[in-house]
Amino acid sequence: GQLGDWKTCHLQLQDRLYALVEQNKSAMKLLELEDTSVVNMTTQGE
């Protein structure tokens, strides 16, 4: 849930601050990887 909040925050920043667009894109990729890791670990735990 925290990851989802951070993804939403990053998307809002992308619209507001052009100077941070490239940095924000990189952060989104890392968050997606982290989210996938959480999903995989959750599946294994279930």
All heavy atoms as atom14 arrays in JSON, in Angstrom:
{
  "sequence": "GQLGDWKTCHLQLQDRLYALVEQNKSAMKLLELEDTSVVNMTTQGE",
  "atom14_mask": [
    [1, 1, 1, 1, 0, 0, 0, 0, 0, 0, 0, 0, 0, 0],
    [1, 1, 1, 1, 1, 1, 1, 1, 1, 0, 0, 0, 0, 0],
    [1, 1, 1, 1, 1, 1, 1, 1, 0, 0, 0, 0, 0, 0],
    [1, 1, 1, 1, 0, 0, 0, 0, 0, 0, 0, 0, 0, 0],
    [1, 1, 1, 1, 1, 1, 1, 1, 0, 0, 0, 0, 0, 0],
    [1, 1, 1, 1, 1, 1, 1, 1, 1, 1, 1, 1, 1, 1],
    [1, 1, 1, 1, 1, 1, 1, 1, 1, 0, 0, 0, 0, 0],
    [1, 1, 1, 1, 1, 1, 1, 0, 0, 0, 0, 0, 0, 0],
    [1, 1, 1, 1, 1, 1, 0, 0, 0, 0, 0, 0, 0, 0],
    [1, 1, 1, 1, 1, 1, 1, 1, 1, 1, 0, 0, 0, 0],
    [1, 1, 1, 1, 1, 1, 1, 1, 0, 0, 0, 0, 0, 0],
    [1, 1, 1, 1, 1, 1, 1, 1, 1, 0, 0, 0, 0, 0],
    [1, 1, 1, 1, 1, 1, 1, 1, 0, 0, 0, 0, 0, 0],
    [1, 1, 1, 1, 1, 1, 1, 1, 1, 0, 0, 0, 0, 0],
    [1, 1, 1, 1, 1, 1, 1, 1, 0, 0, 0, 0, 0, 0],
    [1, 1, 1, 1, 1, 1, 1, 1, 1, 1, 1, 0, 0, 0],
    [1, 1, 1, 1, 1, 1, 1, 1, 0, 0, 0, 0, 0, 0],
    [1, 1, 1, 1, 1, 1, 1, 1, 1, 1, 1, 1, 0, 0],
    [1, 1, 1, 1, 1, 0, 0, 0, 0, 0, 0, 0, 0, 0],
    [1, 1, 1, 1, 1, 1, 1, 1, 0, 0, 0, 0, 0, 0],
    [1, 1, 1, 1, 1, 1, 1, 0, 0, 0, 0, 0, 0, 0],
    [1, 1, 1, 1, 1, 1, 1, 1, 1, 0, 0, 0, 0, 0],
    [1, 1, 1, 1, 1, 1, 1, 1, 1, 0, 0, 0, 0, 0],
    [1, 1, 1, 1, 1, 1, 1, 1, 0, 0, 0, 0, 0, 0],
    [1, 1, 1, 1, 1, 1, 1, 1, 1, 0, 0, 0, 0, 0],
    [1, 1, 1, 1, 1, 1, 0, 0, 0, 0, 0, 0, 0, 0],
    [1, 1, 1, 1, 1, 0, 0, 0, 0, 0, 0, 0, 0, 0],
    [1, 1, 1, 1, 1, 1, 1, 1, 0, 0, 0, 0, 0, 0],
    [1, 1, 1, 1, 1, 1, 1, 1, 1, 0, 0, 0, 0, 0],
    [1, 1, 1, 1, 1, 1, 1, 1, 0, 0, 0, 0, 0, 0],
    [1, 1, 1, 1, 1, 1, 1, 1, 0, 0, 0, 0, 0, 0],
    [1, 1, 1, 1, 1, 1, 1, 1, 1, 0, 0, 0, 0, 0],
    [1, 1, 1, 1, 1, 1, 1, 1, 0, 0, 0, 0, 0, 0],
    [1, 1, 1, 1, 1, 1, 1, 1, 1, 0, 0, 0, 0, 0],
    [1, 1, 1, 1, 1, 1, 1, 1, 0, 0, 0, 0, 0, 0],
    [1, 1, 1, 1, 1, 1, 1, 0, 0, 0, 0, 0, 0, 0],
    [1, 1, 1, 1, 1, 1, 0, 0, 0, 0, 0, 0, 0, 0],
    [1, 1, 1, 1, 1, 1, 1, 0, 0, 0, 0, 0, 0, 0],
    [1, 1, 1, 1, 1, 1, 1, 0, 0, 0, 0, 0, 0, 0],
    [1, 1, 1, 1, 1, 1, 1, 1, 0, 0, 0, 0, 0, 0],
    [1, 1, 1, 1, 1, 1, 1, 1, 0, 0, 0, 0, 0, 0],
    [1, 1, 1, 1, 1, 1, 1, 0, 0, 0, 0, 0, 0, 0],
    [1, 1, 1, 1, 1, 1, 1, 0, 0, 0, 0, 0, 0, 0],
    [1, 1, 1, 1, 1, 1, 1, 1, 1, 0, 0, 0, 0, 0],
    [1, 1, 1, 1, 0, 0, 0, 0, 0, 0, 0, 0, 0, 0],
    [1, 1, 1, 1, 1, 1, 1, 1, 1, 0, 0, 0, 0, 0]
  ],
  "atom14_positions": [
    [[0.82, -1.21, 0.0], [0.0, 0.0, 0.0], [0.86, 1.26, 0.0], [0.55, 2.24, -0.7], [0.0, 0.0, 0.0], [0.0, 0.0, 0.0], [0.0, 0.0, 0.0], [0.0, 0.0, 0.0], [0.0, 0.0, 0.0], [0.0, 0.0, 0.0], [0.0, 0.0, 0.0], [0.0, 0.0, 0.0], [0.0, 0.0, 0.0], [0.0, 0.0, 0.0]],
    [[1.95, 1.22, 0.78], [2.88, 2.35, 0.79], [3.5, 2.56, -0.59], [3.67, 3.69, -1.06], [3.99, 2.11, 1.82], [3.51, 2.18, 3.27], [3.18, 3.61, 3.68], [3.69, 4.56, 3.11], [2.32, 3.75, 4.68], [0.0, 0.0, 0.0], [0.0, 0.0, 0.0], [0.0, 0.0, 0.0], [0.0, 0.0, 0.0], [0.0, 0.0, 0.0]],
    [[3.84, 1.44, -1.24], [4.41, 1.53, -2.59], [3.43, 2.21, -3.55], [3.83, 3.03, -4.39], [4.77, 0.14, -3.11], [5.94, -0.57, -2.4], [6.06, -2.0, -2.92], [7.24, 0.18, -2.62], [0.0, 0.0, 0.0], [0.0, 0.0, 0.0], [0.0, 0.0, 0.0], [0.0, 0.0, 0.0], [0.0, 0.0, 0.0], [0.0, 0.0, 0.0]],
    [[2.15, 1.86, -3.42], [1.15, 2.49, -4.28], [1.06, 3.99, -4.05], [0.94, 4.77, -5.0], [0.0, 0.0, 0.0], [0.0, 0.0, 0.0], [0.0, 0.0, 0.0], [0.0, 0.0, 0.0], [0.0, 0.0, 0.0], [0.0, 0.0, 0.0], [0.0, 0.0, 0.0], [0.0, 0.0, 0.0], [0.0, 0.0, 0.0], [0.0, 0.0, 0.0]],
    [[1.14, 4.39, -2.77], [1.1, 5.82, -2.44], [2.29, 6.55, -3.04], [2.17, 7.67, -3.56], [1.08, 6.02, -0.93], [-0.21, 5.52, -0.3], [-1.21, 5.41, -1.03], [-0.2, 5.26, 0.93], [0.0, 0.0, 0.0], [0.0, 0.0, 0.0], [0.0, 0.0, 0.0], [0.0, 0.0, 0.0], [0.0, 0.0, 0.0], [0.0, 0.0, 0.0]],
    [[3.46, 5.9, -2.94], [4.66, 6.54, -3.49], [4.59, 6.64, -5.02], [5.03, 7.63, -5.61], [5.91, 5.76, -3.05], [6.36, 6.1, -1.67], [6.48, 7.34, -1.12], [6.74, 5.18, -0.65], [6.91, 7.26, 0.19], [7.09, 5.95, 0.51], [6.85, 3.79, -0.57], [7.51, 5.37, 1.7], [7.27, 3.22, 0.62], [7.59, 4.01, 1.73]],
    [[4.02, 5.63, -5.67], [3.88, 5.7, -7.13], [2.97, 6.87, -7.54], [3.27, 7.6, -8.49], [3.32, 4.38, -7.66], [4.32, 3.24, -7.67], [3.84, 2.06, -8.48], [2.73, 1.31, -7.8], [2.34, 0.09, -8.54], [0.0, 0.0, 0.0], [0.0, 0.0, 0.0], [0.0, 0.0, 0.0], [0.0, 0.0, 0.0], [0.0, 0.0, 0.0]],
    [[1.86, 7.03, -6.79], [0.95, 8.14, -7.07], [1.65, 9.49, -6.88], [1.51, 10.42, -7.69], [-0.27, 8.06, -6.14], [-0.96, 6.84, -6.37], [-1.22, 9.22, -6.39], [0.0, 0.0, 0.0], [0.0, 0.0, 0.0], [0.0, 0.0, 0.0], [0.0, 0.0, 0.0], [0.0, 0.0, 0.0], [0.0, 0.0, 0.0], [0.0, 0.0, 0.0]],
    [[2.44, 9.57, -5.81], [3.17, 10.8, -5.51], [4.15, 11.13, -6.64], [4.27, 12.27, -7.07], [3.9, 10.66, -4.19], [4.72, 12.18, -3.63], [0.0, 0.0, 0.0], [0.0, 0.0, 0.0], [0.0, 0.0, 0.0], [0.0, 0.0, 0.0], [0.0, 0.0, 0.0], [0.0, 0.0, 0.0], [0.0, 0.0, 0.0], [0.0, 0.0, 0.0]],
    [[4.84, 10.09, -7.12], [5.79, 10.3, -8.21], [5.1, 10.78, -9.48], [5.62, 11.63, -10.22], [6.55, 9.01, -8.48], [7.67, 8.75, -7.51], [8.72, 9.6, -7.31], [7.88, 7.7, -6.66], [9.54, 9.11, -6.39], [9.06, 7.95, -5.97], [0.0, 0.0, 0.0], [0.0, 0.0, 0.0], [0.0, 0.0, 0.0], [0.0, 0.0, 0.0]],
    [[3.91, 10.25, -9.76], [3.18, 10.68, -10.96], [2.77, 12.15, -10.86], [2.79, 12.89, -11.85], [1.96, 9.78, -11.15], [2.26, 8.35, -11.6], [1.0, 7.5, -11.56], [2.83, 8.35, -13.01], [0.0, 0.0, 0.0], [0.0, 0.0, 0.0], [0.0, 0.0, 0.0], [0.0, 0.0, 0.0], [0.0, 0.0, 0.0], [0.0, 0.0, 0.0]],
    [[2.36, 12.57, -9.66], [2.0, 13.98, -9.46], [3.22, 14.89, -9.64], [3.11, 15.97, -10.25], [1.42, 14.15, -8.06], [0.07, 13.46, -7.87], [-0.4, 13.48, -6.44], [0.37, 13.8, -5.53], [-1.68, 13.16, -6.22], [0.0, 0.0, 0.0], [0.0, 0.0, 0.0], [0.0, 0.0, 0.0], [0.0, 0.0, 0.0], [0.0, 0.0, 0.0]],
    [[4.34, 14.45, -9.12], [5.56, 15.24, -9.27], [5.96, 15.38, -10.73], [6.51, 16.41, -11.15], [6.7, 14.59, -8.48], [6.67, 14.76, -6.96], [7.71, 13.87, -6.3], [6.89, 16.21, -6.59], [0.0, 0.0, 0.0], [0.0, 0.0, 0.0], [0.0, 0.0, 0.0], [0.0, 0.0, 0.0], [0.0, 0.0, 0.0], [0.0, 0.0, 0.0]],
    [[5.68, 14.33, -11.5], [6.06, 14.36, -12.91], [5.36, 15.49, -13.65], [5.93, 16.1, -14.56], [5.68, 13.0, -13.54], [6.11, 12.85, -14.98], [5.91, 11.43, -15.46], [6.71, 10.56, -15.18], [4.83, 11.21, -16.19], [0.0, 0.0, 0.0], [0.0, 0.0, 0.0], [0.0, 0.0, 0.0], [0.0, 0.0, 0.0], [0.0, 0.0, 0.0]],
    [[4.09, 15.77, -13.26], [3.32, 16.85, -13.89], [3.77, 18.22, -13.38], [3.7, 19.22, -14.1], [1.83, 16.66, -13.61], [1.27, 15.42, -14.27], [1.82, 15.01, -15.31], [0.27, 14.86, -13.75], [0.0, 0.0, 0.0], [0.0, 0.0, 0.0], [0.0, 0.0, 0.0], [0.0, 0.0, 0.0], [0.0, 0.0, 0.0], [0.0, 0.0, 0.0]],
    [[4.2, 18.3, -12.15], [4.5, 19.59, -11.54], [5.93, 20.07, -11.75], [6.19, 21.25, -11.86], [4.22, 19.51, -10.03], [2.75, 19.39, -9.66], [2.55, 18.88, -8.24], [3.34, 19.64, -7.29], [3.54, 19.23, -6.04], [3.03, 18.08, -5.62], [4.26, 19.96, -5.23], [0.0, 0.0, 0.0], [0.0, 0.0, 0.0], [0.0, 0.0, 0.0]],
    [[6.87, 19.18, -11.78], [8.28, 19.59, -11.82], [8.98, 18.93, -13.0], [9.39, 17.76, -12.93], [8.97, 19.21, -10.5], [8.35, 19.79, -9.23], [8.99, 19.16, -8.0], [8.52, 21.29, -9.22], [0.0, 0.0, 0.0], [0.0, 0.0, 0.0], [0.0, 0.0, 0.0], [0.0, 0.0, 0.0], [0.0, 0.0, 0.0], [0.0, 0.0, 0.0]],
    [[9.13, 19.64, -14.09], [9.74, 19.08, -15.28], [11.2, 18.69, -15.04], [11.69, 17.69, -15.59], [9.66, 20.1, -16.43], [10.31, 19.62, -17.71], [9.65, 18.71, -18.53], [11.58, 20.06, -18.07], [10.25, 18.24, -19.68], [12.18, 19.6, -19.22], [11.52, 18.69, -20.02], [12.11, 18.23, -21.16], [0.0, 0.0, 0.0], [0.0, 0.0, 0.0]],
    [[11.88, 19.44, -14.2], [13.29, 19.17, -13.95], [13.51, 17.81, -13.3], [14.6, 17.23, -13.37], [13.89, 20.26, -13.07], [0.0, 0.0, 0.0], [0.0, 0.0, 0.0], [0.0, 0.0, 0.0], [0.0, 0.0, 0.0], [0.0, 0.0, 0.0], [0.0, 0.0, 0.0], [0.0, 0.0, 0.0], [0.0, 0.0, 0.0], [0.0, 0.0, 0.0]],
    [[12.44, 17.28, -12.66], [12.58, 16.0, -11.97], [12.02, 14.83, -12.77], [11.95, 13.71, -12.26], [11.86, 16.05, -10.62], [12.46, 17.01, -9.58], [11.57, 17.04, -8.34], [13.86, 16.59, -9.21], [0.0, 0.0, 0.0], [0.0, 0.0, 0.0], [0.0, 0.0, 0.0], [0.0, 0.0, 0.0], [0.0, 0.0, 0.0], [0.0, 0.0, 0.0]],
    [[11.62, 15.08, -14.01], [10.96, 14.04, -14.8], [11.86, 12.81, -14.97], [11.43, 11.66, -14.75], [10.54, 14.58, -16.18], [10.14, 13.43, -17.12], [9.35, 15.52, -16.02], [0.0, 0.0, 0.0], [0.0, 0.0, 0.0], [0.0, 0.0, 0.0], [0.0, 0.0, 0.0], [0.0, 0.0, 0.0], [0.0, 0.0, 0.0], [0.0, 0.0, 0.0]],
    [[13.11, 12.99, -15.39], [13.99, 11.85, -15.64], [14.29, 11.08, -14.35], [14.29, 9.84, -14.34], [15.3, 12.33, -16.27], [15.13, 12.91, -17.68], [14.48, 11.92, -18.62], [14.82, 10.71, -18.56], [13.62, 12.34, -19.43], [0.0, 0.0, 0.0], [0.0, 0.0, 0.0], [0.0, 0.0, 0.0], [0.0, 0.0, 0.0], [0.0, 0.0, 0.0]],
    [[14.51, 11.82, -13.29], [14.75, 11.17, -12.0], [13.5, 10.41, -11.55], [13.58, 9.3, -10.99], [15.13, 12.22, -10.96], [15.41, 11.63, -9.58], [15.77, 12.7, -8.56], [15.89, 13.87, -8.89], [15.92, 12.28, -7.31], [0.0, 0.0, 0.0], [0.0, 0.0, 0.0], [0.0, 0.0, 0.0], [0.0, 0.0, 0.0], [0.0, 0.0, 0.0]],
    [[12.33, 11.0, -11.79], [11.09, 10.36, -11.39], [10.85, 9.06, -12.17], [10.36, 8.07, -11.62], [9.93, 11.34, -11.63], [8.62, 10.82, -11.05], [8.5, 10.66, -9.85], [7.65, 10.55, -11.91], [0.0, 0.0, 0.0], [0.0, 0.0, 0.0], [0.0, 0.0, 0.0], [0.0, 0.0, 0.0], [0.0, 0.0, 0.0], [0.0, 0.0, 0.0]],
    [[11.18, 9.05, -13.46], [11.0, 7.84, -14.26], [11.86, 6.7, -13.73], [11.41, 5.55, -13.66], [11.36, 8.13, -15.72], [10.35, 9.0, -16.44], [10.78, 9.24, -17.89], [9.76, 10.09, -18.64], [10.17, 10.35, -20.04], [0.0, 0.0, 0.0], [0.0, 0.0, 0.0], [0.0, 0.0, 0.0], [0.0, 0.0, 0.0], [0.0, 0.0, 0.0]],
    [[13.08, 7.04, -13.36], [13.96, 6.01, -12.8], [13.39, 5.47, -11.48], [13.43, 4.26, -11.22], [15.36, 6.6, -12.56], [15.95, 7.01, -13.78], [0.0, 0.0, 0.0], [0.0, 0.0, 0.0], [0.0, 0.0, 0.0], [0.0, 0.0, 0.0], [0.0, 0.0, 0.0], [0.0, 0.0, 0.0], [0.0, 0.0, 0.0], [0.0, 0.0, 0.0]],
    [[12.87, 6.4, -10.67], [12.29, 5.96, -9.4], [11.09, 5.05, -9.61], [10.9, 4.05, -8.91], [11.88, 7.18, -8.57], [0.0, 0.0, 0.0], [0.0, 0.0, 0.0], [0.0, 0.0, 0.0], [0.0, 0.0, 0.0], [0.0, 0.0, 0.0], [0.0, 0.0, 0.0], [0.0, 0.0, 0.0], [0.0, 0.0, 0.0], [0.0, 0.0, 0.0]],
    [[10.28, 5.35, -10.63], [9.11, 4.52, -10.93], [9.53, 3.11, -11.33], [8.91, 2.11, -10.92], [8.3, 5.16, -12.06], [7.46, 6.35, -11.61], [6.16, 5.86, -10.44], [5.19, 4.78, -11.48], [0.0, 0.0, 0.0], [0.0, 0.0, 0.0], [0.0, 0.0, 0.0], [0.0, 0.0, 0.0], [0.0, 0.0, 0.0], [0.0, 0.0, 0.0]],
    [[10.58, 2.99, -12.12], [11.05, 1.67, -12.53], [11.47, 0.85, -11.32], [11.16, -0.35, -11.21], [12.21, 1.8, -13.51], [11.8, 2.35, -14.88], [13.01, 2.48, -15.8], [12.61, 3.03, -17.15], [13.78, 3.2, -18.06], [0.0, 0.0, 0.0], [0.0, 0.0, 0.0], [0.0, 0.0, 0.0], [0.0, 0.0, 0.0], [0.0, 0.0, 0.0]],
    [[12.19, 1.52, -10.4], [12.64, 0.8, -9.2], [11.45, 0.39, -8.33], [11.44, -0.7, -7.74], [13.59, 1.7, -8.4], [14.95, 1.96, -9.05], [15.73, 2.99, -8.25], [15.76, 0.67, -9.15], [0.0, 0.0, 0.0], [0.0, 0.0, 0.0], [0.0, 0.0, 0.0], [0.0, 0.0, 0.0], [0.0, 0.0, 0.0], [0.0, 0.0, 0.0]],
    [[10.45, 1.27, -8.25], [9.27, 0.92, -7.46], [8.5, -0.26, -8.06], [7.99, -1.11, -7.33], [8.34, 2.14, -7.36], [8.8, 3.25, -6.4], [7.96, 4.51, -6.61], [8.69, 2.78, -4.96], [0.0, 0.0, 0.0], [0.0, 0.0, 0.0], [0.0, 0.0, 0.0], [0.0, 0.0, 0.0], [0.0, 0.0, 0.0], [0.0, 0.0, 0.0]],
    [[8.44, -0.31, -9.39], [7.76, -1.44, -10.04], [8.5, -2.74, -9.75], [7.87, -3.78, -9.51], [7.67, -1.2, -11.56], [6.75, -0.06, -11.98], [5.29, -0.34, -11.64], [4.97, -1.5, -11.32], [4.49, 0.6, -11.69], [0.0, 0.0, 0.0], [0.0, 0.0, 0.0], [0.0, 0.0, 0.0], [0.0, 0.0, 0.0], [0.0, 0.0, 0.0]],
    [[9.83, -2.67, -9.8], [10.62, -3.86, -9.48], [10.37, -4.29, -8.03], [10.24, -5.48, -7.72], [12.11, -3.6, -9.71], [12.55, -3.41, -11.16], [14.02, -3.01, -11.22], [12.35, -4.72, -11.95], [0.0, 0.0, 0.0], [0.0, 0.0, 0.0], [0.0, 0.0, 0.0], [0.0, 0.0, 0.0], [0.0, 0.0, 0.0], [0.0, 0.0, 0.0]],
    [[10.32, -3.29, -7.13], [10.08, -3.6, -5.72], [8.68, -4.19, -5.53], [8.48, -5.13, -4.77], [10.24, -2.32, -4.89], [10.23, -2.54, -3.4], [11.58, -3.0, -2.88], [12.42, -3.45, -3.67], [11.77, -2.94, -1.67], [0.0, 0.0, 0.0], [0.0, 0.0, 0.0], [0.0, 0.0, 0.0], [0.0, 0.0, 0.0], [0.0, 0.0, 0.0]],
    [[7.71, -3.61, -6.26], [6.33, -4.11, -6.18], [6.26, -5.55, -6.66], [5.61, -6.41, -6.05], [5.42, -3.22, -7.02], [3.95, -3.5, -6.74], [3.61, -4.05, -5.67], [3.12, -3.18, -7.61], [0.0, 0.0, 0.0], [0.0, 0.0, 0.0], [0.0, 0.0, 0.0], [0.0, 0.0, 0.0], [0.0, 0.0, 0.0], [0.0, 0.0, 0.0]],
    [[6.95, -5.85, -7.77], [6.97, -7.22, -8.28], [7.59, -8.16, -7.26], [7.12, -9.28, -7.05], [7.78, -7.28, -9.59], [7.14, -6.44, -10.56], [7.84, -8.7, -10.13], [0.0, 0.0, 0.0], [0.0, 0.0, 0.0], [0.0, 0.0, 0.0], [0.0, 0.0, 0.0], [0.0, 0.0, 0.0], [0.0, 0.0, 0.0], [0.0, 0.0, 0.0]],
    [[8.65, -7.69, -6.61], [9.31, -8.52, -5.58], [8.35, -8.81, -4.43], [8.29, -9.93, -3.93], [10.56, -7.8, -5.06], [11.17, -8.53, -4.02], [0.0, 0.0, 0.0], [0.0, 0.0, 0.0], [0.0, 0.0, 0.0], [0.0, 0.0, 0.0], [0.0, 0.0, 0.0], [0.0, 0.0, 0.0], [0.0, 0.0, 0.0], [0.0, 0.0, 0.0]],
    [[7.58, -7.78, -4.02], [6.62, -7.98, -2.94], [5.54, -8.97, -3.35], [5.15, -9.85, -2.58], [5.98, -6.63, -2.53], [4.85, -6.85, -1.54], [7.03, -5.72, -1.92], [0.0, 0.0, 0.0], [0.0, 0.0, 0.0], [0.0, 0.0, 0.0], [0.0, 0.0, 0.0], [0.0, 0.0, 0.0], [0.0, 0.0, 0.0], [0.0, 0.0, 0.0]],
    [[5.04, -8.83, -4.59], [4.01, -9.76, -5.08], [4.53, -11.19, -5.08], [3.86, -12.13, -4.65], [3.55, -9.36, -6.5], [2.65, -10.43, -7.1], [2.8, -8.04, -6.44], [0.0, 0.0, 0.0], [0.0, 0.0, 0.0], [0.0, 0.0, 0.0], [0.0, 0.0, 0.0], [0.0, 0.0, 0.0], [0.0, 0.0, 0.0], [0.0, 0.0, 0.0]],
    [[5.77, -11.35, -5.57], [6.36, -12.7, -5.62], [6.51, -13.29, -4.22], [6.2, -14.45, -3.97], [7.72, -12.67, -6.31], [7.61, -12.39, -7.81], [6.55, -12.62, -8.4], [8.65, -11.88, -8.41], [0.0, 0.0, 0.0], [0.0, 0.0, 0.0], [0.0, 0.0, 0.0], [0.0, 0.0, 0.0], [0.0, 0.0, 0.0], [0.0, 0.0, 0.0]],
    [[7.0, -12.47, -3.28], [7.19, -12.95, -1.92], [5.84, -13.24, -1.25], [5.7, -14.2, -0.5], [7.97, -11.92, -1.1], [9.43, -11.74, -1.54], [10.38, -13.28, -1.43], [10.42, -13.52, 0.34], [0.0, 0.0, 0.0], [0.0, 0.0, 0.0], [0.0, 0.0, 0.0], [0.0, 0.0, 0.0], [0.0, 0.0, 0.0], [0.0, 0.0, 0.0]],
    [[4.84, -12.39, -1.56], [3.51, -12.63, -1.0], [2.94, -13.96, -1.51], [2.37, -14.74, -0.75], [2.57, -11.48, -1.38], [3.07, -10.26, -0.83], [1.16, -11.72, -0.82], [0.0, 0.0, 0.0], [0.0, 0.0, 0.0], [0.0, 0.0, 0.0], [0.0, 0.0, 0.0], [0.0, 0.0, 0.0], [0.0, 0.0, 0.0], [0.0, 0.0, 0.0]],
    [[3.11, -14.21, -2.82], [2.63, -15.47, -3.39], [3.31, -16.66, -2.73], [2.66, -17.65, -2.36], [2.91, -15.5, -4.91], [2.21, -14.4, -5.53], [2.42, -16.81, -5.52], [0.0, 0.0, 0.0], [0.0, 0.0, 0.0], [0.0, 0.0, 0.0], [0.0, 0.0, 0.0], [0.0, 0.0, 0.0], [0.0, 0.0, 0.0], [0.0, 0.0, 0.0]],
    [[4.64, -16.56, -2.56], [5.36, -17.65, -1.91], [4.88, -17.85, -0.47], [4.72, -18.98, 0.0], [6.86, -17.36, -1.89], [7.51, -17.35, -3.27], [8.98, -16.97, -3.21], [9.65, -17.16, -2.19], [9.5, -16.42, -4.3], [0.0, 0.0, 0.0], [0.0, 0.0, 0.0], [0.0, 0.0, 0.0], [0.0, 0.0, 0.0], [0.0, 0.0, 0.0]],
    [[4.62, -16.74, 0.23], [4.15, -16.84, 1.6], [2.77, -17.47, 1.7], [2.5, -18.29, 2.57], [0.0, 0.0, 0.0], [0.0, 0.0, 0.0], [0.0, 0.0, 0.0], [0.0, 0.0, 0.0], [0.0, 0.0, 0.0], [0.0, 0.0, 0.0], [0.0, 0.0, 0.0], [0.0, 0.0, 0.0], [0.0, 0.0, 0.0], [0.0, 0.0, 0.0]],
    [[1.87, -17.09, 0.76], [0.53, -17.68, 0.75], [0.61, -19.18, 0.5], [-0.09, -19.97, 1.12], [-0.33, -17.01, -0.33], [-0.67, -15.55, -0.05], [-1.72, -15.4, 1.04], [-2.14, -16.43, 1.6], [-2.1, -14.25, 1.33], [0.0, 0.0, 0.0], [0.0, 0.0, 0.0], [0.0, 0.0, 0.0], [0.0, 0.0, 0.0], [0.0, 0.0, 0.0]]
  ]
}
